[in-house]
């Protein structure tokens, strides 16, 4: 990776009239703000590198794209220049990863939705072996399925829209969701499924990096984003955006008060920078700065 970053950096800045176009996937609705933090990071990383790479034009795609569609557009050299996703060995072979986790590992921290009447059963769980008494629900195409099965947990799968009803019908016991998703989904589905609750005491964790990805024929953009994010991490602007968008949900999650159960992730590429502790959120170490 570093060889193509060095080559791209040596190319020098663009001319002022030759702005780099950077097109990212548009959301499916104007009211969808799930990725506002990622667009903010993308814009800031480009801003931080104007001195090296010159001006840029940041644009959303003309058509909305779900995540898998955006990755396919990148793979086949379509209209977009950058997308965001969790990583895997296959994905890093097909695309160029920018290996700085955009959400500091938060997607790997999971809090479960359950039938609230069963909370006393989960109160007794302290270990992975005890968690193994329960069946986990997951989307049928989610990469996480392999993580849970590798941990010897039983998994039941279905379409995303059906999972909440399946949980209500006791077709599985818990639906782990990232700390960034669980409270919004609870609010969205609680009226339809009155027994739905956020589990109170457990926190499941497995490394689940979330990166910017670029086309393999565009190492210059990948190098620019790598440099921009590195500069942001150094000057504090990366953390400022992180806390701006995630402060409230992290307070609500009470992660440091929960019992942590750690799973390994067999899908991780060998170049995942797990050794850089500053890149990853630690609920027992990290606290939101005062406003």
C-alpha atoms as a PDB file:
ATOM      1  CA  UNK A   1       0.000   0.000   0.000  1.00  0.00           C
ATOM      2  CA  UNK A   2       2.738   2.455   0.937  1.00  0.00           C
ATOM      3  CA  UNK A   3       4.447   2.109  -2.437  1.00  0.00           C
ATOM      4  CA  UNK A   4       1.469   3.454  -4.332  1.00  0.00           C
ATOM      5  CA  UNK A   5       0.914   6.160  -1.719  1.00  0.00           C
ATOM      6  CA  UNK A   6       4.506   7.338  -2.215  1.00  0.00           C
ATOM      7  CA  UNK A   7       4.181   7.308  -5.995  1.00  0.00           C
ATOM      8  CA  UNK A   8       0.943   9.269  -5.835  1.00  0.00           C
ATOM      9  CA  UNK A   9       2.442  11.830  -3.492  1.00  0.00           C
ATOM     10  CA  UNK A  10       5.432  12.385  -5.794  1.00  0.00           C
ATOM     11  CA  UNK A  11       3.145  13.410  -8.611  1.00  0.00           C
ATOM     12  CA  UNK A  12       2.843  16.855  -7.063  1.00  0.00           C
ATOM     13  CA  UNK A  13      -0.151  19.169  -6.743  1.00  0.00           C
ATOM     14  CA  UNK A  14      -2.780  19.592  -9.434  1.00  0.00           C
ATOM     15  CA  UNK A  15      -3.113  22.827 -11.386  1.00  0.00           C
ATOM     16  CA  UNK A  16      -5.667  25.245  -9.976  1.00  0.00           C
ATOM     17  CA  UNK A  17      -7.891  24.726 -13.052  1.00  0.00           C
ATOM     18  CA  UNK A  18      -7.611  20.929 -12.812  1.00  0.00           C
ATOM     19  CA  UNK A  19      -9.647  20.167  -9.688  1.00  0.00           C
ATOM     20  CA  UNK A  20      -9.833  16.536  -8.624  1.00  0.00           C
ATOM     21  CA  UNK A  21     -13.399  15.269  -8.912  1.00  0.00           C
ATOM     22  CA  UNK A  22     -14.488  13.118  -5.982  1.00  0.00           C
ATOM     23  CA  UNK A  23     -17.934  11.553  -6.293  1.00  0.00           C
ATOM     24  CA  UNK A  24     -19.399   9.609  -3.378  1.00  0.00           C
ATOM     25  CA  UNK A  25     -22.629   7.551  -3.142  1.00  0.00           C
ATOM     26  CA  UNK A  26     -25.809   9.538  -2.537  1.00  0.00           C
ATOM     27  CA  UNK A  27     -28.193   8.322   0.145  1.00  0.00           C
ATOM     28  CA  UNK A  28     -31.585   6.917  -0.810  1.00  0.00           C
ATOM     29  CA  UNK A  29     -33.506   9.759   0.850  1.00  0.00           C
ATOM     30  CA  UNK A  30     -32.796  13.368   1.774  1.00  0.00           C
ATOM     31  CA  UNK A  31     -33.874  12.510   5.311  1.00  0.00           C
ATOM     32  CA  UNK A  32     -31.211   9.765   5.615  1.00  0.00           C
ATOM     33  CA  UNK A  33     -28.403  11.205   7.731  1.00  0.00           C
ATOM     34  CA  UNK A  34     -26.622   7.953   8.635  1.00  0.00           C
ATOM     35  CA  UNK A  35     -23.515   8.895   6.686  1.00  0.00           C
ATOM     36  CA  UNK A  36     -23.272  12.616   7.370  1.00  0.00           C
ATOM     37  CA  UNK A  37     -20.200  12.021   9.549  1.00  0.00           C
ATOM     38  CA  UNK A  38     -18.458  10.178   6.703  1.00  0.00           C
ATOM     39  CA  UNK A  39     -19.133  12.955   4.211  1.00  0.00           C
ATOM     40  CA  UNK A  40     -17.807  15.449   6.772  1.00  0.00           C
ATOM     41  CA  UNK A  41     -14.613  13.370   7.153  1.00  0.00           C
ATOM     42  CA  UNK A  42     -14.283  13.049   3.392  1.00  0.00           C
ATOM     43  CA  UNK A  43     -14.590  16.782   2.817  1.00  0.00           C
ATOM     44  CA  UNK A  44     -12.196  17.617   5.640  1.00  0.00           C
ATOM     45  CA  UNK A  45      -9.578  15.100   4.423  1.00  0.00           C
ATOM     46  CA  UNK A  46      -9.687  16.674   0.963  1.00  0.00           C
ATOM     47  CA  UNK A  47      -9.458  20.170   2.469  1.00  0.00           C
ATOM     48  CA  UNK A  48      -6.409  19.152   4.503  1.00  0.00           C
ATOM     49  CA  UNK A  49      -4.513  18.117   1.366  1.00  0.00           C
ATOM     50  CA  UNK A  50      -5.107  21.002  -1.037  1.00  0.00           C
ATOM     51  CA  UNK A  51      -1.498  22.073  -0.499  1.00  0.00           C
ATOM     52  CA  UNK A  52      -0.257  18.706  -1.821  1.00  0.00           C
ATOM     53  CA  UNK A  53      -2.913  17.706  -4.342  1.00  0.00           C
ATOM     54  CA  UNK A  54      -4.643  20.921  -5.347  1.00  0.00           C
ATOM     55  CA  UNK A  55      -8.361  21.829  -5.452  1.00  0.00           C
ATOM     56  CA  UNK A  56     -11.208  19.336  -5.583  1.00  0.00           C
ATOM     57  CA  UNK A  57     -14.890  19.047  -6.458  1.00  0.00           C
ATOM     58  CA  UNK A  58     -16.848  16.914  -4.008  1.00  0.00           C
ATOM     59  CA  UNK A  59     -20.165  15.664  -5.412  1.00  0.00           C
ATOM     60  CA  UNK A  60     -22.843  13.146  -4.498  1.00  0.00           C
ATOM     61  CA  UNK A  61     -23.778  10.645  -7.185  1.00  0.00           C
ATOM     62  CA  UNK A  62     -26.818  11.455  -9.314  1.00  0.00           C
ATOM     63  CA  UNK A  63     -28.541   8.257  -8.240  1.00  0.00           C
ATOM     64  CA  UNK A  64     -28.893   6.902  -4.694  1.00  0.00           C
ATOM     65  CA  UNK A  65     -26.847   3.808  -3.890  1.00  0.00           C
ATOM     66  CA  UNK A  66     -26.996   1.237  -1.140  1.00  0.00           C
ATOM     67  CA  UNK A  67     -23.615   0.072   0.140  1.00  0.00           C
ATOM     68  CA  UNK A  68     -23.268  -3.045  -2.025  1.00  0.00           C
ATOM     69  CA  UNK A  69     -24.262  -1.098  -5.142  1.00  0.00           C
ATOM     70  CA  UNK A  70     -21.635   1.559  -4.402  1.00  0.00           C
ATOM     71  CA  UNK A  71     -18.918  -1.081  -4.001  1.00  0.00           C
ATOM     72  CA  UNK A  72     -19.931  -2.726  -7.257  1.00  0.00           C
ATOM     73  CA  UNK A  73     -19.719   0.668  -8.991  1.00  0.00           C
ATOM     74  CA  UNK A  74     -16.159   1.002  -7.702  1.00  0.00           C
ATOM     75  CA  UNK A  75     -15.235  -2.535  -8.753  1.00  0.00           C
ATOM     76  CA  UNK A  76     -16.432  -2.060 -12.322  1.00  0.00           C
ATOM     77  CA  UNK A  77     -15.096   1.481 -12.693  1.00  0.00           C
ATOM     78  CA  UNK A  78     -18.471   3.222 -12.565  1.00  0.00           C
ATOM     79  CA  UNK A  79     -19.324   6.826 -11.824  1.00  0.00           C
ATOM     80  CA  UNK A  80     -18.279   7.094  -8.181  1.00  0.00           C
ATOM     81  CA  UNK A  81     -14.719   7.556  -6.915  1.00  0.00           C
ATOM     82  CA  UNK A  82     -14.999   6.605  -3.250  1.00  0.00           C
ATOM     83  CA  UNK A  83     -17.309   4.579  -1.030  1.00  0.00           C
ATOM     84  CA  UNK A  84     -17.309   3.413   2.574  1.00  0.00           C
ATOM     85  CA  UNK A  85     -17.706  -0.071   3.975  1.00  0.00           C
ATOM     86  CA  UNK A  86     -16.455  -2.658   6.429  1.00  0.00           C
ATOM     87  CA  UNK A  87     -13.392  -4.520   5.224  1.00  0.00           C
ATOM     88  CA  UNK A  88     -12.535  -8.105   4.323  1.00  0.00           C
ATOM     89  CA  UNK A  89      -9.784  -9.991   2.508  1.00  0.00           C
ATOM     90  CA  UNK A  90     -11.818 -10.089  -0.697  1.00  0.00           C
ATOM     91  CA  UNK A  91     -12.754  -6.416  -0.567  1.00  0.00           C
ATOM     92  CA  UNK A  92      -9.129  -5.361  -0.099  1.00  0.00           C
ATOM     93  CA  UNK A  93      -8.120  -7.469  -3.103  1.00  0.00           C
ATOM     94  CA  UNK A  94     -10.744  -5.832  -5.301  1.00  0.00           C
ATOM     95  CA  UNK A  95     -10.424  -2.212  -4.125  1.00  0.00           C
ATOM     96  CA  UNK A  96      -7.912   0.143  -2.506  1.00  0.00           C
ATOM     97  CA  UNK A  97      -8.576   0.498   1.233  1.00  0.00           C
ATOM     98  CA  UNK A  98      -7.663   3.608   3.179  1.00  0.00           C
ATOM     99  CA  UNK A  99      -6.858   1.850   6.444  1.00  0.00           C
ATOM    100  CA  UNK A 100      -8.029   4.444   8.945  1.00  0.00           C
ATOM    101  CA  UNK A 101     -11.237   3.422  10.692  1.00  0.00           C
ATOM    102  CA  UNK A 102     -13.780   6.145  10.020  1.00  0.00           C
ATOM    103  CA  UNK A 103     -15.727   5.457  13.198  1.00  0.00           C
ATOM    104  CA  UNK A 104     -12.879   4.364  15.451  1.00  0.00           C
ATOM    105  CA  UNK A 105     -14.131   0.793  15.628  1.00  0.00           C
ATOM    106  CA  UNK A 106     -17.640   1.620  16.856  1.00  0.00           C
ATOM    107  CA  UNK A 107     -19.265  -0.702  14.322  1.00  0.00           C
ATOM    108  CA  UNK A 108     -17.639  -3.605  16.144  1.00  0.00           C
ATOM    109  CA  UNK A 109     -19.325  -2.750  19.457  1.00  0.00           C
ATOM    110  CA  UNK A 110     -22.707  -4.467  19.554  1.00  0.00           C
ATOM    111  CA  UNK A 111     -25.696  -3.991  21.837  1.00  0.00           C
ATOM    112  CA  UNK A 112     -28.596  -6.371  21.354  1.00  0.00           C
ATOM    113  CA  UNK A 113     -32.274  -5.876  20.800  1.00  0.00           C
ATOM    114  CA  UNK A 114     -34.270  -8.460  22.757  1.00  0.00           C
ATOM    115  CA  UNK A 115     -37.750  -9.262  23.964  1.00  0.00           C
ATOM    116  CA  UNK A 116     -37.678  -7.125  27.104  1.00  0.00           C
ATOM    117  CA  UNK A 117     -39.522  -9.742  29.127  1.00  0.00           C
ATOM    118  CA  UNK A 118     -36.395 -11.919  28.841  1.00  0.00           C
ATOM    119  CA  UNK A 119     -33.986  -9.375  30.342  1.00  0.00           C
ATOM    120  CA  UNK A 120     -33.509 -11.489  33.537  1.00  0.00           C
ATOM    121  CA  UNK A 121     -32.108 -14.312  31.365  1.00  0.00           C
ATOM    122  CA  UNK A 122     -29.469 -11.987  29.916  1.00  0.00           C
ATOM    123  CA  UNK A 123     -28.682 -10.565  33.349  1.00  0.00           C
ATOM    124  CA  UNK A 124     -27.036 -13.901  34.147  1.00  0.00           C
ATOM    125  CA  UNK A 125     -24.707 -13.910  31.124  1.00  0.00           C
ATOM    126  CA  UNK A 126     -21.070 -13.279  31.994  1.00  0.00           C
ATOM    127  CA  UNK A 127     -19.074 -15.245  29.387  1.00  0.00           C
ATOM    128  CA  UNK A 128     -19.096 -16.229  25.735  1.00  0.00           C
ATOM    129  CA  UNK A 129     -19.997 -19.785  26.752  1.00  0.00           C
ATOM    130  CA  UNK A 130     -23.056 -18.490  28.614  1.00  0.00           C
ATOM    131  CA  UNK A 131     -24.019 -16.349  25.635  1.00  0.00           C
ATOM    132  CA  UNK A 132     -23.895 -19.562  23.597  1.00  0.00           C
ATOM    133  CA  UNK A 133     -27.160 -20.676  25.188  1.00  0.00           C
ATOM    134  CA  UNK A 134     -28.914 -18.121  22.999  1.00  0.00           C
ATOM    135  CA  UNK A 135     -29.466 -17.920  19.249  1.00  0.00           C
ATOM    136  CA  UNK A 136     -28.283 -14.801  17.423  1.00  0.00           C
ATOM    137  CA  UNK A 137     -30.240 -13.131  14.608  1.00  0.00           C
ATOM    138  CA  UNK A 138     -28.451 -11.597  11.602  1.00  0.00           C
ATOM    139  CA  UNK A 139     -29.170 -10.448   8.071  1.00  0.00           C
ATOM    140  CA  UNK A 140     -28.736 -13.256   5.578  1.00  0.00           C
ATOM    141  CA  UNK A 141     -25.938 -11.575   3.624  1.00  0.00           C
ATOM    142  CA  UNK A 142     -24.131  -9.890   6.531  1.00  0.00           C
ATOM    143  CA  UNK A 143     -20.451 -10.679   6.944  1.00  0.00           C
ATOM    144  CA  UNK A 144     -20.965 -10.759  10.716  1.00  0.00           C
ATOM    145  CA  UNK A 145     -22.645 -14.162  10.354  1.00  0.00           C
ATOM    146  CA  UNK A 146     -19.203 -15.751   9.923  1.00  0.00           C
ATOM    147  CA  UNK A 147     -17.916 -13.964  13.043  1.00  0.00           C
ATOM    148  CA  UNK A 148     -20.671 -15.364  15.254  1.00  0.00           C
ATOM    149  CA  UNK A 149     -20.429 -18.849  13.797  1.00  0.00           C
ATOM    150  CA  UNK A 150     -16.651 -18.846  14.250  1.00  0.00           C
ATOM    151  CA  UNK A 151     -17.340 -18.153  17.937  1.00  0.00           C
ATOM    152  CA  UNK A 152     -19.552 -21.293  18.038  1.00  0.00           C
ATOM    153  CA  UNK A 153     -22.730 -19.224  18.396  1.00  0.00           C
ATOM    154  CA  UNK A 154     -25.921 -20.382  16.721  1.00  0.00           C
ATOM    155  CA  UNK A 155     -27.181 -17.939  14.078  1.00  0.00           C
ATOM    156  CA  UNK A 156     -30.560 -17.537  12.408  1.00  0.00           C
ATOM    157  CA  UNK A 157     -30.702 -15.313   9.320  1.00  0.00           C
ATOM    158  CA  UNK A 158     -33.353 -13.381   7.421  1.00  0.00           C
ATOM    159  CA  UNK A 159     -33.953 -10.247   5.394  1.00  0.00           C
ATOM    160  CA  UNK A 160     -33.195  -7.064   7.330  1.00  0.00           C
ATOM    161  CA  UNK A 161     -36.820  -5.890   7.335  1.00  0.00           C
ATOM    162  CA  UNK A 162     -37.989  -9.225   8.750  1.00  0.00           C
ATOM    163  CA  UNK A 163     -35.480  -9.501  11.606  1.00  0.00           C
ATOM    164  CA  UNK A 164     -37.461  -7.449  14.109  1.00  0.00           C
ATOM    165  CA  UNK A 165     -40.589  -9.533  13.566  1.00  0.00           C
ATOM    166  CA  UNK A 166     -38.534 -12.733  13.801  1.00  0.00           C
ATOM    167  CA  UNK A 167     -37.184 -11.549  17.146  1.00  0.00           C
ATOM    168  CA  UNK A 168     -40.702 -10.759  18.352  1.00  0.00           C
ATOM    169  CA  UNK A 169     -41.811 -14.273  17.284  1.00  0.00           C
ATOM    170  CA  UNK A 170     -38.890 -15.837  19.235  1.00  0.00           C
ATOM    171  CA  UNK A 171     -37.304 -17.323  16.124  1.00  0.00           C
ATOM    172  CA  UNK A 172     -34.033 -16.224  17.695  1.00  0.00           C
ATOM    173  CA  UNK A 173     -33.132 -14.659  21.037  1.00  0.00           C
ATOM    174  CA  UNK A 174     -31.106 -11.517  20.420  1.00  0.00           C
ATOM    175  CA  UNK A 175     -30.331  -9.189  17.530  1.00  0.00           C
ATOM    176  CA  UNK A 176     -26.919  -7.558  18.092  1.00  0.00           C
ATOM    177  CA  UNK A 177     -26.634  -4.160  16.413  1.00  0.00           C
ATOM    178  CA  UNK A 178     -23.853  -1.606  16.457  1.00  0.00           C
ATOM    179  CA  UNK A 179     -24.032   1.086  19.118  1.00  0.00           C
ATOM    180  CA  UNK A 180     -24.648   3.533  16.262  1.00  0.00           C
ATOM    181  CA  UNK A 181     -27.737   1.621  15.077  1.00  0.00           C
ATOM    182  CA  UNK A 182     -29.451   0.017  18.030  1.00  0.00           C
ATOM    183  CA  UNK A 183     -31.222   2.994  19.595  1.00  0.00           C
ATOM    184  CA  UNK A 184     -32.527   4.354  16.309  1.00  0.00           C
ATOM    185  CA  UNK A 185     -33.871   0.942  15.327  1.00  0.00           C
ATOM    186  CA  UNK A 186     -35.481   0.534  18.724  1.00  0.00           C
ATOM    187  CA  UNK A 187     -37.323   3.839  18.266  1.00  0.00           C
ATOM    188  CA  UNK A 188     -38.300   2.867  14.732  1.00  0.00           C
ATOM    189  CA  UNK A 189     -39.767  -0.544  15.582  1.00  0.00           C
ATOM    190  CA  UNK A 190     -40.968  -0.363  19.209  1.00  0.00           C
ATOM    191  CA  UNK A 191     -44.532   0.661  18.313  1.00  0.00           C
ATOM    192  CA  UNK A 192     -44.877  -2.268  15.939  1.00  0.00           C
ATOM    193  CA  UNK A 193     -43.308  -4.720  18.393  1.00  0.00           C
ATOM    194  CA  UNK A 194     -44.211  -3.532  21.933  1.00  0.00           C
ATOM    195  CA  UNK A 195     -42.006  -6.100  23.698  1.00  0.00           C
ATOM    196  CA  UNK A 196     -38.893  -4.909  21.857  1.00  0.00           C
ATOM    197  CA  UNK A 197     -36.237  -3.516  24.203  1.00  0.00           C
ATOM    198  CA  UNK A 198     -32.541  -2.628  24.211  1.00  0.00           C
ATOM    199  CA  UNK A 199     -30.670  -5.200  26.318  1.00  0.00           C
ATOM    200  CA  UNK A 200     -29.309  -3.479  29.428  1.00  0.00           C
ATOM    201  CA  UNK A 201     -25.987  -5.031  30.456  1.00  0.00           C
ATOM    202  CA  UNK A 202     -24.014  -6.747  27.660  1.00  0.00           C
ATOM    203  CA  UNK A 203     -21.570  -5.346  25.109  1.00  0.00           C
ATOM    204  CA  UNK A 204     -20.322  -7.678  22.374  1.00  0.00           C
ATOM    205  CA  UNK A 205     -17.156  -6.643  20.574  1.00  0.00           C
ATOM    206  CA  UNK A 206     -15.257  -7.872  17.534  1.00  0.00           C
ATOM    207  CA  UNK A 207     -12.884  -5.888  15.292  1.00  0.00           C
ATOM    208  CA  UNK A 208     -14.979  -4.613  12.361  1.00  0.00           C
ATOM    209  CA  UNK A 209     -12.992  -1.887  10.558  1.00  0.00           C
ATOM    210  CA  UNK A 210     -14.859   0.634   8.415  1.00  0.00           C
ATOM    211  CA  UNK A 211     -12.835   2.402   5.734  1.00  0.00           C
ATOM    212  CA  UNK A 212     -12.971   4.572   2.673  1.00  0.00           C
ATOM    213  CA  UNK A 213     -12.413   2.472  -0.473  1.00  0.00           C
ATOM    214  CA  UNK A 214     -11.244   3.706  -3.875  1.00  0.00           C
ATOM    215  CA  UNK A 215     -10.925   2.085  -7.291  1.00  0.00           C
ATOM    216  CA  UNK A 216      -7.697   0.199  -7.865  1.00  0.00           C
ATOM    217  CA  UNK A 217      -6.939   2.486 -10.821  1.00  0.00           C
ATOM    218  CA  UNK A 218      -7.148   5.591  -8.611  1.00  0.00           C
ATOM    219  CA  UNK A 219      -4.243   5.346  -6.134  1.00  0.00           C
ATOM    220  CA  UNK A 220      -3.867   9.129  -6.174  1.00  0.00           C
ATOM    221  CA  UNK A 221      -7.221   9.645  -4.455  1.00  0.00           C
ATOM    222  CA  UNK A 222      -6.533   6.832  -1.973  1.00  0.00           C
ATOM    223  CA  UNK A 223      -3.179   8.409  -1.115  1.00  0.00           C
ATOM    224  CA  UNK A 224      -4.789  11.832  -0.728  1.00  0.00           C
ATOM    225  CA  UNK A 225      -7.421  10.504   1.670  1.00  0.00           C
ATOM    226  CA  UNK A 226      -4.809   8.585   3.644  1.00  0.00           C
ATOM    227  CA  UNK A 227      -2.719  11.740   4.071  1.00  0.00           C
ATOM    228  CA  UNK A 228      -5.733  13.904   4.863  1.00  0.00           C
ATOM    229  CA  UNK A 229      -7.037  11.558   7.554  1.00  0.00           C
ATOM    230  CA  UNK A 230      -3.562  11.222   9.052  1.00  0.00           C
ATOM    231  CA  UNK A 231      -3.283  14.990   9.289  1.00  0.00           C
ATOM    232  CA  UNK A 232      -6.746  15.167  10.867  1.00  0.00           C
ATOM    233  CA  UNK A 233      -5.829  12.587  13.470  1.00  0.00           C
ATOM    234  CA  UNK A 234      -2.706  14.572  14.296  1.00  0.00           C
ATOM    235  CA  UNK A 235      -4.369  17.983  14.620  1.00  0.00           C
ATOM    236  CA  UNK A 236      -7.505  16.830  16.467  1.00  0.00           C
ATOM    237  CA  UNK A 237     -10.040  17.572  13.725  1.00  0.00           C
ATOM    238  CA  UNK A 238     -10.790  13.867  13.217  1.00  0.00           C
ATOM    239  CA  UNK A 239     -11.776  13.479  16.869  1.00  0.00           C
ATOM    240  CA  UNK A 240     -13.788  16.692  16.731  1.00  0.00           C
ATOM    241  CA  UNK A 241     -15.998  15.252  13.963  1.00  0.00           C
ATOM    242  CA  UNK A 242     -16.176  11.888  15.747  1.00  0.00           C
ATOM    243  CA  UNK A 243     -17.524  13.425  18.934  1.00  0.00           C
ATOM    244  CA  UNK A 244     -19.789  15.867  17.103  1.00  0.00           C
ATOM    245  CA  UNK A 245     -21.707  13.008  15.522  1.00  0.00           C
ATOM    246  CA  UNK A 246     -21.409  10.250  18.116  1.00  0.00           C
ATOM    247  CA  UNK A 247     -21.300  11.937  21.542  1.00  0.00           C
ATOM    248  CA  UNK A 248     -25.002  11.527  22.311  1.00  0.00           C
ATOM    249  CA  UNK A 249     -25.319   7.871  21.327  1.00  0.00           C
ATOM    250  CA  UNK A 250     -22.162   6.947  23.255  1.00  0.00           C
ATOM    251  CA  UNK A 251     -23.584   8.545  26.382  1.00  0.00           C
ATOM    252  CA  UNK A 252     -26.815   6.634  25.878  1.00  0.00           C
ATOM    253  CA  UNK A 253     -24.977   3.333  25.339  1.00  0.00           C
ATOM    254  CA  UNK A 254     -23.151   3.427  28.705  1.00  0.00           C
ATOM    255  CA  UNK A 255     -20.533   1.156  27.175  1.00  0.00           C
ATOM    256  CA  UNK A 256     -18.086   1.282  30.078  1.00  0.00           C
ATOM    257  CA  UNK A 257     -20.802   0.022  32.452  1.00  0.00           C
ATOM    258  CA  UNK A 258     -21.613  -3.071  30.386  1.00  0.00           C
ATOM    259  CA  UNK A 259     -20.124  -6.577  30.580  1.00  0.00           C
ATOM    260  CA  UNK A 260     -17.797  -6.976  27.628  1.00  0.00           C
ATOM    261  CA  UNK A 261     -17.748 -10.206  25.599  1.00  0.00           C
ATOM    262  CA  UNK A 262     -15.018 -10.288  22.940  1.00  0.00           C
ATOM    263  CA  UNK A 263     -15.175 -12.330  19.722  1.00  0.00           C
ATOM    264  CA  UNK A 264     -12.394 -12.783  17.178  1.00  0.00           C
ATOM    265  CA  UNK A 265     -12.938 -11.827  13.535  1.00  0.00           C
ATOM    266  CA  UNK A 266     -11.657 -14.446  11.059  1.00  0.00           C
ATOM    267  CA  UNK A 267     -12.352 -12.107   8.137  1.00  0.00           C
ATOM    268  CA  UNK A 268      -9.713  -9.510   9.073  1.00  0.00           C
ATOM    269  CA  UNK A 269      -6.995  -8.852   6.484  1.00  0.00           C
ATOM    270  CA  UNK A 270      -3.460  -9.165   7.874  1.00  0.00           C
ATOM    271  CA  UNK A 271      -2.725  -5.458   7.306  1.00  0.00           C
ATOM    272  CA  UNK A 272      -5.492  -4.287   9.651  1.00  0.00           C
ATOM    273  CA  UNK A 273      -3.813  -1.718  11.978  1.00  0.00           C
ATOM    274  CA  UNK A 274      -5.047  -3.207  15.243  1.00  0.00           C
ATOM    275  CA  UNK A 275      -1.726  -2.383  16.903  1.00  0.00           C
ATOM    276  CA  UNK A 276      -2.433   1.363  16.740  1.00  0.00           C
ATOM    277  CA  UNK A 277      -4.461   1.802  19.916  1.00  0.00           C
ATOM    278  CA  UNK A 278      -5.132   5.476  19.147  1.00  0.00           C
ATOM    279  CA  UNK A 279      -7.222   4.517  16.108  1.00  0.00           C
ATOM    280  CA  UNK A 280      -9.780   2.505  18.071  1.00  0.00           C
ATOM    281  CA  UNK A 281     -12.352   3.706  20.568  1.00  0.00           C
ATOM    282  CA  UNK A 282     -11.944   2.174  24.024  1.00  0.00           C
ATOM    283  CA  UNK A 283     -15.047   2.621  26.217  1.00  0.00           C
ATOM    284  CA  UNK A 284     -12.980   2.296  29.386  1.00  0.00           C
ATOM    285  CA  UNK A 285     -10.439   4.889  28.277  1.00  0.00           C
ATOM    286  CA  UNK A 286     -12.100   7.450  26.029  1.00  0.00           C
ATOM    287  CA  UNK A 287     -14.419  10.161  27.272  1.00  0.00           C
ATOM    288  CA  UNK A 288     -16.128  12.912  25.352  1.00  0.00           C
ATOM    289  CA  UNK A 289     -14.407  16.284  25.709  1.00  0.00           C
ATOM    290  CA  UNK A 290     -16.367  18.979  27.456  1.00  0.00           C
ATOM    291  CA  UNK A 291     -18.403  21.138  25.038  1.00  0.00           C
END
